[in-house]
Amino acid sequence: MSAPATSPAPTTTAPGAWPLIGHAHRLARDPLPFFTSLREHGSVVRIRIGPTPAYVVTDPALTRRVLVTDAAHFAKGGKIIDALRVFFGDGLATVADGDTHLRNRRLMQPMFNKAHIAERGDAMIEQVHAMVGAWPAGEARDVYADMNDITLAAFLVALFGADLPEHLQGEFTALMPAIMKGTIRQTILPSWIAALPLPAHRAHAQRVARLRALIDQAIDHHADATETAAPAACPHAAAQQSERTGLFKTLLTAEEPLSRQQLQDEAITLLTGAIETTGTTLAWTLYEITRNPGVEQRLREELDAVCENRPLRYQDVDRLPYARQVLQETIRTYGPAWMVTRTATRDVDLGDHRIPQGADVVWSPYLHQHDPAHFPEPETFDPDRWEPGRAAGTRGSFLAFGDGRRKCIGENFAWAELQIILATVLRTWPVLELTSRAPRPQAVVTVKPDAMTMAYHRNPATVTETERY
């Protein structure tokens, strides 16, 4: 005789909710400590955002069920996705599950295979080298802003070609911080507050509209470059054509063309992913290098062994395994995303918990990647935990790029861009000096540093002079 079915366990509600706003004050004030504390209350924990409940999954095995095994019952959606959709439109990161998502992902997949990325690799290196080499020696600079500028410039070269007008890059970089701040504000505020015509909300809508206008200009410029590109029969002309057109040509010349609105949505999605997550990761990586001399020494020794006395080449990227370990440990330590949502499409049991149809289900790469059960001493920065022999037991909890059918399509590109920029900074500047206090993690869309400045020097003697004053 079979055992009787067990009824779902009651889901614990996190303590500290306030009337009307629920846990919104914790999400606004100290989201990272709040999220990591939820692990103490169970594998699934209920929180409230305003009057609306959401279910936070603290067990990475259950998160994999949400993303992979039972993905059909957990659609792309929820409060964060609804807020991002105002910004992204129906780009690949926010479009609902179904035929449109599958079609657009299939159209865009060739843009991010390794062979296609390699065609843009040297152009990206050239762009990054020019920007990094132009920094004045010994000047304290905003690391987060610099990394966002560089990642955006490199991705623009890869996406739209090498001759995109400078004003588009400059305006995009200026708009992004305020847009992302406004977007995350809308995700944590109760819906009735987010809907009010407050000055901050109107300013946010105006910035999003301006961003779309700039993206439209970039698409028009790229389309013109594609139409006037030299015939590919001549090898030299073909190389020039590749440099001018970039990866976005894949969408403009697809057999199933996207509408202008869809092209805008996808361009915004791609560019935002490039600037926000990659720039944040690089800023934290440089910070960890300054506080871990042994890590920096090994990175420089690896670069010297691979490049010797010549400039970095794209084919060198796959020969820098320790650099990849350092970057992966940075991603583990700092997110980069800290909260992602899905929506239950039906009443469904997740572990021992019943999730009602229509409920928001929240998972957090930051929470999972700081779980001591999977990452011993999670607050310790240890790139060696990603050595092949040690990493096997931790990969199931490393979810920075997601998993399943909605896994980040640009993961290959992200790794290439991260390694190009990190290697170029280290090859250009022999000495890095942190000139600000230790930065504090700040959860916006990514986990960004609240303040971080750094000076770059040609030799250690310059640092010594600086420290005297």
Protein backbone atom coordinates (compact mmCIF):
# COMPACT_ATOMS: atom_id res chain seq x y z
CA MET A 1 0.00 0.00 0.00
CA SER A 2 1.49 3.35 -1.01
CA ALA A 3 2.18 6.00 1.59
CA PRO A 4 -0.33 8.84 1.70
CA ALA A 5 0.71 11.97 -0.14
CA THR A 6 2.10 14.63 2.15
CA SER A 7 0.51 18.06 2.05
CA PRO A 8 2.75 21.03 1.27
CA ALA A 9 4.50 22.60 4.24
CA PRO A 10 3.43 26.10 5.24
CA THR A 11 5.78 28.67 3.76
CA THR A 12 7.41 30.93 6.34
CA THR A 13 6.95 34.67 5.93
CA ALA A 14 10.14 36.64 6.50
CA PRO A 15 10.03 38.73 9.65
CA GLY A 16 10.07 42.53 9.63
CA ALA A 17 7.25 43.36 7.19
CA TRP A 18 5.64 46.79 7.63
CA PRO A 19 1.99 47.64 6.99
CA LEU A 20 1.21 48.66 3.39
CA ILE A 21 4.80 48.41 2.09
CA GLY A 22 5.69 44.91 3.32
CA HIS A 23 9.44 44.29 3.02
CA ALA A 24 10.03 47.14 0.55
CA HIS A 25 11.98 49.09 3.19
CA ARG A 26 14.44 46.18 3.58
CA LEU A 27 14.77 45.80 -0.19
CA ALA A 28 15.51 49.51 -0.49
CA ARG A 29 17.80 49.86 2.56
CA ASP A 30 19.81 46.63 2.88
CA PRO A 31 18.74 44.15 0.18
CA LEU A 32 21.85 41.95 0.20
CA PRO A 33 21.93 41.21 3.95
CA PHE A 34 18.14 40.80 3.84
CA PHE A 35 18.28 38.26 1.02
CA THR A 36 21.12 36.23 2.52
CA SER A 37 19.25 36.14 5.85
CA LEU A 38 16.27 34.45 4.21
CA ARG A 39 18.22 31.19 3.99
CA GLU A 40 17.71 30.82 7.74
CA HIS A 41 13.92 30.62 7.30
CA GLY A 42 13.65 27.77 4.80
CA SER A 43 14.20 26.66 1.22
CA VAL A 44 11.31 28.85 0.07
CA VAL A 45 10.43 32.03 2.00
CA ARG A 46 7.52 34.41 1.47
CA ILE A 47 8.18 38.16 1.39
CA ARG A 48 5.82 41.03 0.62
CA ILE A 49 6.42 43.87 -1.83
CA GLY A 50 3.65 46.21 -0.82
CA PRO A 51 0.61 43.97 -0.29
CA THR A 52 1.79 41.48 -2.92
CA PRO A 53 3.48 38.26 -1.76
CA ALA A 54 6.54 36.85 -3.52
CA TYR A 55 8.27 33.54 -2.90
CA VAL A 56 12.07 33.62 -2.59
CA VAL A 57 13.86 30.36 -3.40
CA THR A 58 16.97 29.95 -1.24
CA ASP A 59 17.92 26.40 -2.30
CA PRO A 60 19.87 26.31 -5.61
CA ALA A 61 18.50 22.85 -6.40
CA LEU A 62 14.98 24.25 -6.30
CA THR A 63 16.06 27.23 -8.40
CA ARG A 64 17.25 24.81 -11.07
CA ARG A 65 13.78 23.27 -11.03
CA VAL A 66 12.33 26.72 -11.66
CA LEU A 67 14.76 27.41 -14.52
CA VAL A 68 15.13 23.97 -16.09
CA THR A 69 13.13 20.97 -14.91
CA ASP A 70 9.80 22.70 -14.29
CA ALA A 71 10.43 25.78 -16.42
CA ALA A 72 7.06 25.41 -18.16
CA HIS A 73 5.37 26.23 -14.84
CA PHE A 74 7.50 29.33 -14.16
CA ALA A 75 7.20 31.88 -16.94
CA LYS A 76 9.48 34.86 -17.45
CA GLY A 77 7.70 37.54 -15.50
CA GLY A 78 7.20 39.11 -12.11
CA LYS A 79 7.61 42.58 -10.71
CA ILE A 80 11.23 43.06 -11.85
CA ILE A 81 10.52 41.82 -15.37
CA ASP A 82 7.42 44.03 -15.60
CA ALA A 83 9.50 47.05 -14.62
CA LEU A 84 12.34 46.14 -16.98
CA ARG A 85 9.87 45.61 -19.81
CA VAL A 86 9.05 49.34 -19.66
CA PHE A 87 12.72 49.92 -20.41
CA PHE A 88 13.64 46.93 -22.61
CA GLY A 89 10.31 46.46 -24.35
CA ASP A 90 10.04 42.89 -25.59
CA GLY A 91 13.75 42.26 -25.91
CA LEU A 92 15.13 38.77 -25.48
CA ALA A 93 15.61 39.26 -21.72
CA THR A 94 12.00 40.27 -21.06
CA VAL A 95 9.77 38.89 -23.84
CA ALA A 96 7.30 36.29 -22.61
CA ASP A 97 7.96 32.59 -23.17
CA GLY A 98 6.58 31.29 -26.44
CA ASP A 99 7.08 31.46 -30.18
CA THR A 100 8.38 35.05 -30.26
CA HIS A 101 11.10 34.28 -27.73
CA LEU A 102 12.13 31.09 -29.54
CA ARG A 103 12.21 32.85 -32.93
CA ASN A 104 14.24 35.82 -31.70
CA ARG A 105 16.67 33.64 -29.80
CA ARG A 106 17.18 31.52 -32.92
CA LEU A 107 17.79 34.66 -35.01
CA MET A 108 20.29 36.08 -32.54
CA GLN A 109 22.17 32.90 -31.63
CA PRO A 110 24.65 33.16 -34.56
CA MET A 111 25.73 36.61 -33.34
CA PHE A 112 27.22 35.02 -30.24
CA ASN A 113 28.93 31.88 -31.45
CA LYS A 114 32.68 31.89 -30.87
CA ALA A 115 33.61 32.14 -34.55
CA HIS A 116 31.44 35.21 -35.06
CA ILE A 117 32.79 36.89 -31.92
CA ALA A 118 36.35 36.16 -33.03
CA GLU A 119 35.76 38.23 -36.19
CA ARG A 120 35.27 41.28 -33.98
CA GLY A 121 37.96 40.44 -31.42
CA ASP A 122 40.86 42.48 -32.80
CA ALA A 123 38.63 45.53 -33.38
CA MET A 124 37.52 45.33 -29.75
CA ILE A 125 41.12 45.05 -28.54
CA GLU A 126 42.10 48.09 -30.60
CA GLN A 127 39.23 50.15 -29.14
CA VAL A 128 39.97 49.09 -25.56
CA HIS A 129 43.71 49.69 -25.90
CA ALA A 130 43.13 53.21 -27.23
CA MET A 131 40.88 54.12 -24.31
CA VAL A 132 42.96 52.54 -21.54
CA GLY A 133 46.18 53.98 -22.92
CA ALA A 134 44.72 57.50 -22.90
CA TRP A 135 44.28 57.60 -19.11
CA PRO A 136 46.64 60.14 -17.49
CA ALA A 137 49.19 58.44 -15.24
CA GLY A 138 48.68 58.96 -11.50
CA GLU A 139 45.20 60.52 -11.80
CA ALA A 140 42.51 59.15 -9.46
CA ARG A 141 39.68 57.93 -11.70
CA ASP A 142 36.17 56.56 -11.14
CA VAL A 143 36.70 52.86 -11.80
CA TYR A 144 33.03 51.96 -12.23
CA ALA A 145 32.47 54.78 -14.72
CA ASP A 146 35.65 53.88 -16.64
CA MET A 147 34.72 50.21 -16.88
CA ASN A 148 31.21 51.03 -18.07
CA ASP A 149 32.60 53.41 -20.70
CA ILE A 150 35.07 50.83 -21.97
CA THR A 151 32.67 47.90 -22.02
CA LEU A 152 30.08 49.98 -23.85
CA ALA A 153 32.62 51.24 -26.40
CA ALA A 154 33.94 47.72 -27.03
CA PHE A 155 30.46 46.31 -27.45
CA LEU A 156 29.38 49.14 -29.74
CA VAL A 157 32.36 48.33 -31.97
CA ALA A 158 31.38 44.67 -31.98
CA LEU A 159 27.66 45.29 -32.43
CA PHE A 160 27.44 48.25 -34.82
CA GLY A 161 30.93 48.48 -36.34
CA ALA A 162 33.90 50.75 -35.88
CA ASP A 163 32.50 54.01 -37.30
CA LEU A 164 29.52 54.67 -35.01
CA PRO A 165 29.26 58.42 -34.21
CA GLU A 166 30.83 59.29 -30.86
CA HIS A 167 27.83 61.24 -29.58
CA LEU A 168 25.71 58.08 -29.51
CA GLN A 169 28.17 56.34 -27.21
CA GLY A 170 28.52 59.41 -25.00
CA GLU A 171 24.80 60.01 -24.53
CA PHE A 172 24.10 56.34 -23.90
CA THR A 173 26.76 56.23 -21.18
CA ALA A 174 25.39 59.38 -19.59
CA LEU A 175 21.80 58.10 -19.57
CA MET A 176 22.34 54.56 -18.32
CA PRO A 177 23.08 55.08 -14.58
CA ALA A 178 19.97 57.17 -14.01
CA ILE A 179 17.80 54.84 -16.12
CA MET A 180 18.89 51.73 -14.24
CA LYS A 181 18.40 53.47 -10.89
CA GLY A 182 14.89 54.49 -11.90
CA THR A 183 14.11 50.98 -13.11
CA ILE A 184 15.12 49.29 -9.88
CA ARG A 185 13.13 51.91 -7.93
CA GLN A 186 10.02 50.81 -9.78
CA THR A 187 10.65 47.15 -8.93
CA ILE A 188 10.72 47.68 -5.17
CA LEU A 189 7.99 50.32 -4.81
CA PRO A 190 4.37 49.26 -4.37
CA SER A 191 2.58 49.49 -7.70
CA TRP A 192 0.29 52.30 -6.55
CA ILE A 193 3.32 54.49 -5.78
CA ALA A 194 5.13 53.54 -9.01
CA ALA A 195 2.04 54.60 -10.99
CA LEU A 196 1.88 58.13 -9.52
CA PRO A 197 2.93 60.97 -11.88
CA LEU A 198 5.79 62.02 -9.63
CA PRO A 199 8.66 64.14 -11.04
CA ALA A 200 11.11 61.25 -10.67
CA HIS A 201 8.80 58.94 -12.62
CA ARG A 202 8.31 61.48 -15.42
CA ALA A 203 12.06 62.04 -15.65
CA HIS A 204 12.59 58.28 -15.90
CA ALA A 205 10.10 58.01 -18.77
CA GLN A 206 11.80 60.90 -20.59
CA ARG A 207 15.22 59.25 -20.26
CA VAL A 208 13.88 55.96 -21.63
CA ALA A 209 12.33 57.80 -24.60
CA ARG A 210 15.63 59.57 -25.31
CA LEU A 211 17.50 56.27 -25.13
CA ARG A 212 15.16 54.76 -27.70
CA ALA A 213 15.77 57.71 -30.02
CA LEU A 214 19.53 57.20 -29.75
CA ILE A 215 19.21 53.47 -30.43
CA ASP A 216 17.09 54.30 -33.48
CA GLN A 217 19.90 56.51 -34.78
CA ALA A 218 22.43 53.72 -34.22
CA ILE A 219 20.25 51.25 -36.12
CA ASP A 220 19.85 53.68 -39.03
CA HIS A 221 23.59 54.30 -39.15
CA HIS A 222 24.30 50.58 -39.08
CA ALA A 223 21.74 49.86 -41.79
CA ASP A 224 23.33 52.52 -44.03
CA ALA A 225 26.78 51.02 -43.44
CA THR A 226 25.47 47.57 -44.32
CA GLU A 227 23.86 48.76 -47.55
CA THR A 228 26.98 50.62 -48.73
CA ALA A 229 29.54 48.02 -47.61
CA ALA A 230 32.09 46.90 -50.19
CA PRO A 231 31.46 43.60 -52.05
CA ALA A 232 32.81 40.63 -50.11
CA ALA A 233 34.50 39.07 -53.16
CA CYS A 234 37.69 41.03 -52.44
CA PRO A 235 39.39 39.85 -49.21
CA HIS A 236 40.53 43.36 -48.25
CA ALA A 237 37.08 44.78 -48.92
CA ALA A 238 35.51 41.94 -46.94
CA ALA A 239 37.65 42.80 -43.93
CA GLN A 240 36.63 46.45 -44.18
CA GLN A 241 32.99 45.42 -44.49
CA SER A 242 33.22 43.32 -41.30
CA GLU A 243 34.80 46.24 -39.44
CA ARG A 244 32.07 48.66 -40.56
CA THR A 245 29.00 46.49 -40.04
CA GLY A 246 29.52 44.43 -36.87
CA LEU A 247 27.34 41.76 -35.29
CA PHE A 248 24.03 43.59 -35.68
CA LYS A 249 24.12 42.83 -39.39
CA THR A 250 22.78 39.39 -38.43
CA LEU A 251 19.43 40.88 -37.42
CA LEU A 252 19.23 43.42 -40.24
CA THR A 253 19.76 40.75 -42.89
CA ALA A 254 17.75 37.92 -41.30
CA GLU A 255 15.34 35.95 -43.52
CA GLU A 256 12.65 36.62 -40.90
CA PRO A 257 13.21 40.37 -40.42
CA LEU A 258 12.37 42.02 -37.12
CA SER A 259 10.22 45.13 -36.98
CA ARG A 260 11.84 48.46 -36.11
CA GLN A 261 10.35 48.24 -32.60
CA GLN A 262 11.81 44.74 -32.14
CA LEU A 263 15.21 45.88 -33.39
CA GLN A 264 15.16 48.71 -30.85
CA ASP A 265 14.16 46.33 -28.05
CA GLU A 266 16.92 43.87 -28.86
CA ALA A 267 19.58 46.55 -29.23
CA ILE A 268 18.68 48.06 -25.85
CA THR A 269 18.69 44.63 -24.22
CA LEU A 270 22.10 43.75 -25.63
CA LEU A 271 23.72 47.07 -24.85
CA THR A 272 22.38 47.20 -21.31
CA GLY A 273 23.69 43.73 -20.60
CA ALA A 274 27.07 44.73 -21.96
CA ILE A 275 27.49 47.92 -19.97
CA GLU A 276 25.86 47.02 -16.65
CA THR A 277 26.97 43.47 -15.86
CA THR A 278 30.36 43.49 -17.58
CA GLY A 279 31.37 46.92 -16.29
CA THR A 280 30.39 46.03 -12.75
CA THR A 281 32.35 42.78 -12.86
CA LEU A 282 35.48 44.51 -14.13
CA ALA A 283 35.33 47.24 -11.48
CA TRP A 284 35.14 44.66 -8.69
CA THR A 285 37.90 42.58 -10.33
CA LEU A 286 40.32 45.53 -10.30
CA TYR A 287 39.41 46.20 -6.67
CA GLU A 288 40.13 42.59 -5.68
CA ILE A 289 43.44 42.72 -7.54
CA THR A 290 44.55 45.73 -5.50
CA ARG A 291 43.81 43.95 -2.23
CA ASN A 292 45.24 40.55 -3.26
CA PRO A 293 48.86 41.00 -4.41
CA GLY A 294 49.31 37.27 -4.96
CA VAL A 295 46.39 37.22 -7.39
CA GLU A 296 47.79 40.21 -9.27
CA GLN A 297 51.24 38.63 -9.54
CA ARG A 298 49.84 35.40 -10.98
CA LEU A 299 47.73 37.33 -13.49
CA ARG A 300 50.71 39.35 -14.68
CA GLU A 301 52.92 36.26 -14.90
CA GLU A 302 50.29 34.49 -17.01
CA LEU A 303 49.99 37.49 -19.34
CA ASP A 304 53.76 37.80 -19.69
CA ALA A 305 54.05 34.09 -20.53
CA VAL A 306 51.33 34.26 -23.19
CA CYS A 307 52.01 37.67 -24.77
CA GLU A 308 55.75 38.02 -24.07
CA ASN A 309 56.74 41.43 -25.53
CA ARG A 310 53.97 41.85 -28.08
CA PRO A 311 50.45 43.35 -27.79
CA LEU A 312 47.47 41.21 -26.84
CA ARG A 313 45.79 39.32 -29.68
CA TYR A 314 42.32 37.82 -29.69
CA GLN A 315 43.62 34.27 -29.95
CA ASP A 316 45.41 34.82 -26.61
CA VAL A 317 42.10 34.97 -24.73
CA ASP A 318 41.67 31.20 -24.52
CA ARG A 319 45.23 30.87 -23.20
CA LEU A 320 44.53 32.83 -20.00
CA PRO A 321 42.86 30.28 -17.69
CA TYR A 322 43.83 31.99 -14.44
CA ALA A 323 42.38 35.29 -15.65
CA ARG A 324 39.11 33.48 -16.27
CA GLN A 325 39.21 31.99 -12.75
CA VAL A 326 39.71 35.47 -11.27
CA LEU A 327 36.79 36.86 -13.26
CA GLN A 328 34.56 33.93 -12.34
CA GLU A 329 35.35 34.39 -8.66
CA THR A 330 34.48 38.08 -8.98
CA ILE A 331 31.16 37.18 -10.56
CA ARG A 332 30.50 34.68 -7.76
CA THR A 333 31.36 37.20 -5.07
CA TYR A 334 29.41 40.15 -6.42
CA GLY A 335 26.50 38.65 -8.33
CA PRO A 336 26.31 40.46 -10.69
CA ALA A 337 22.49 40.22 -10.52
CA TRP A 338 20.97 39.96 -7.07
CA MET A 339 17.27 39.38 -7.76
CA VAL A 340 15.50 37.70 -10.70
CA THR A 341 11.81 36.84 -10.94
CA ARG A 342 9.50 34.33 -12.58
CA THR A 343 5.70 33.93 -12.42
CA ALA A 344 3.95 30.67 -11.55
CA THR A 345 1.63 29.72 -14.42
CA ARG A 346 -0.36 27.28 -12.25
CA ASP A 347 -0.54 26.06 -8.67
CA VAL A 348 2.70 24.12 -8.35
CA ASP A 349 4.64 22.37 -5.60
CA LEU A 350 8.25 23.48 -5.28
CA GLY A 351 9.99 21.17 -2.85
CA ASP A 352 7.59 20.99 0.10
CA HIS A 353 5.98 24.34 -0.69
CA ARG A 354 2.86 25.19 -2.65
CA ILE A 355 3.27 28.18 -4.99
CA PRO A 356 -0.09 29.63 -6.06
CA GLN A 357 -0.83 30.44 -9.69
CA GLY A 358 0.17 34.00 -10.61
CA ALA A 359 2.63 34.40 -7.72
CA ASP A 360 6.06 35.96 -8.22
CA VAL A 361 8.90 33.51 -7.64
CA VAL A 362 12.24 35.16 -6.85
CA TRP A 363 15.72 33.68 -7.07
CA SER A 364 19.03 35.33 -6.35
CA PRO A 365 22.41 34.45 -7.87
CA TYR A 366 24.01 36.51 -5.09
CA LEU A 367 22.28 34.47 -2.39
CA HIS A 368 23.16 31.11 -3.97
CA GLN A 369 26.77 32.10 -4.64
CA HIS A 370 27.25 33.04 -0.97
CA ASP A 371 25.84 29.79 0.37
CA PRO A 372 28.54 28.25 2.60
CA ALA A 373 27.12 24.79 1.93
CA HIS A 374 28.29 25.11 -1.68
CA PHE A 375 31.04 27.74 -1.44
CA PRO A 376 33.10 27.32 1.77
CA GLU A 377 34.15 30.65 3.27
CA PRO A 378 31.99 32.54 0.75
CA GLU A 379 33.29 35.96 1.79
CA THR A 380 36.88 34.94 0.92
CA PHE A 381 38.03 35.88 -2.58
CA ASP A 382 39.58 32.62 -3.84
CA PRO A 383 40.05 32.20 -7.62
CA ASP A 384 41.54 28.75 -7.02
CA ARG A 385 38.09 27.44 -6.10
CA TRP A 386 37.50 27.42 -9.89
CA GLU A 387 40.40 25.10 -10.70
CA PRO A 388 39.06 22.15 -12.74
CA GLY A 389 39.57 19.67 -9.92
CA ARG A 390 37.80 21.79 -7.32
CA ALA A 391 35.02 23.44 -9.30
CA ALA A 392 32.90 20.35 -10.04
CA GLY A 393 30.99 20.51 -6.77
CA THR A 394 30.12 24.22 -7.04
CA ARG A 395 28.88 24.69 -10.59
CA GLY A 396 25.32 23.73 -9.68
CA SER A 397 25.12 26.82 -7.50
CA PHE A 398 26.81 29.25 -9.92
CA LEU A 399 23.84 30.80 -11.67
CA ALA A 400 25.12 34.23 -12.68
CA PHE A 401 24.17 33.58 -16.32
CA GLY A 402 20.94 31.78 -15.48
CA ASP A 403 20.13 28.34 -16.82
CA GLY A 404 17.75 26.50 -19.10
CA ARG A 405 16.03 27.98 -22.12
CA ARG A 406 16.39 31.55 -20.79
CA LYS A 407 20.12 31.31 -20.08
CA CYS A 408 22.04 34.43 -21.10
CA ILE A 409 22.63 34.26 -24.85
CA GLY A 410 25.70 36.51 -24.62
CA GLU A 411 27.73 34.44 -22.15
CA ASN A 412 30.48 33.63 -24.68
CA PHE A 413 30.76 37.29 -25.63
CA ALA A 414 30.83 38.37 -21.99
CA TRP A 415 33.78 36.12 -21.18
CA ALA A 416 35.70 37.34 -24.23
CA GLU A 417 35.05 41.01 -23.45
CA LEU A 418 35.91 40.60 -19.77
CA GLN A 419 39.24 38.95 -20.53
CA ILE A 420 40.15 41.45 -23.25
CA ILE A 421 39.57 44.45 -20.99
CA LEU A 422 41.21 42.96 -17.89
CA ALA A 423 44.28 41.88 -19.87
CA THR A 424 44.55 45.27 -21.58
CA VAL A 425 44.41 47.21 -18.31
CA LEU A 426 47.11 45.01 -16.75
CA ARG A 427 49.33 45.10 -19.85
CA THR A 428 49.03 48.90 -20.12
CA TRP A 429 49.46 49.80 -16.44
CA PRO A 430 52.06 47.94 -14.36
CA VAL A 431 50.80 49.43 -11.08
CA LEU A 432 47.20 49.84 -9.86
CA GLU A 433 46.53 51.95 -6.74
CA LEU A 434 43.21 52.14 -4.93
CA THR A 435 42.80 55.81 -3.96
CA SER A 436 39.40 55.64 -2.23
CA ARG A 437 38.15 53.82 0.84
CA ALA A 438 37.08 50.23 0.37
CA PRO A 439 33.85 50.29 -1.68
CA ARG A 440 30.59 48.95 -0.30
CA PRO A 441 28.34 46.72 -2.45
CA GLN A 442 25.19 48.52 -3.57
CA ALA A 443 22.32 46.51 -5.04
CA VAL A 444 20.83 48.32 -8.01
CA VAL A 445 20.19 46.05 -11.01
CA THR A 446 23.65 44.62 -10.48
CA VAL A 447 25.69 44.66 -7.28
CA LYS A 448 27.81 47.75 -7.99
CA PRO A 449 30.42 49.55 -5.86
CA ASP A 450 29.05 52.64 -4.14
CA ALA A 451 32.32 54.53 -4.69
CA MET A 452 35.69 53.44 -6.08
CA THR A 453 38.59 55.45 -7.45
CA MET A 454 41.93 54.18 -8.67
CA ALA A 455 45.15 55.64 -10.05
CA TYR A 456 47.27 53.90 -12.69
CA HIS A 457 51.06 54.15 -12.69
CA ARG A 458 53.95 53.24 -14.93
CA ASN A 459 56.24 52.26 -12.04
CA PRO A 460 56.04 51.72 -8.25
CA ALA A 461 58.06 54.86 -7.47
CA THR A 462 55.13 56.99 -8.61
CA VAL A 463 52.90 55.35 -6.01
CA THR A 464 55.42 56.06 -3.29
CA GLU A 465 55.49 59.76 -4.20
CA THR A 466 51.71 59.88 -4.20
CA GLU A 467 51.44 58.30 -0.77
CA ARG A 468 53.73 60.94 0.78
CA TYR A 469 51.16 63.70 0.33
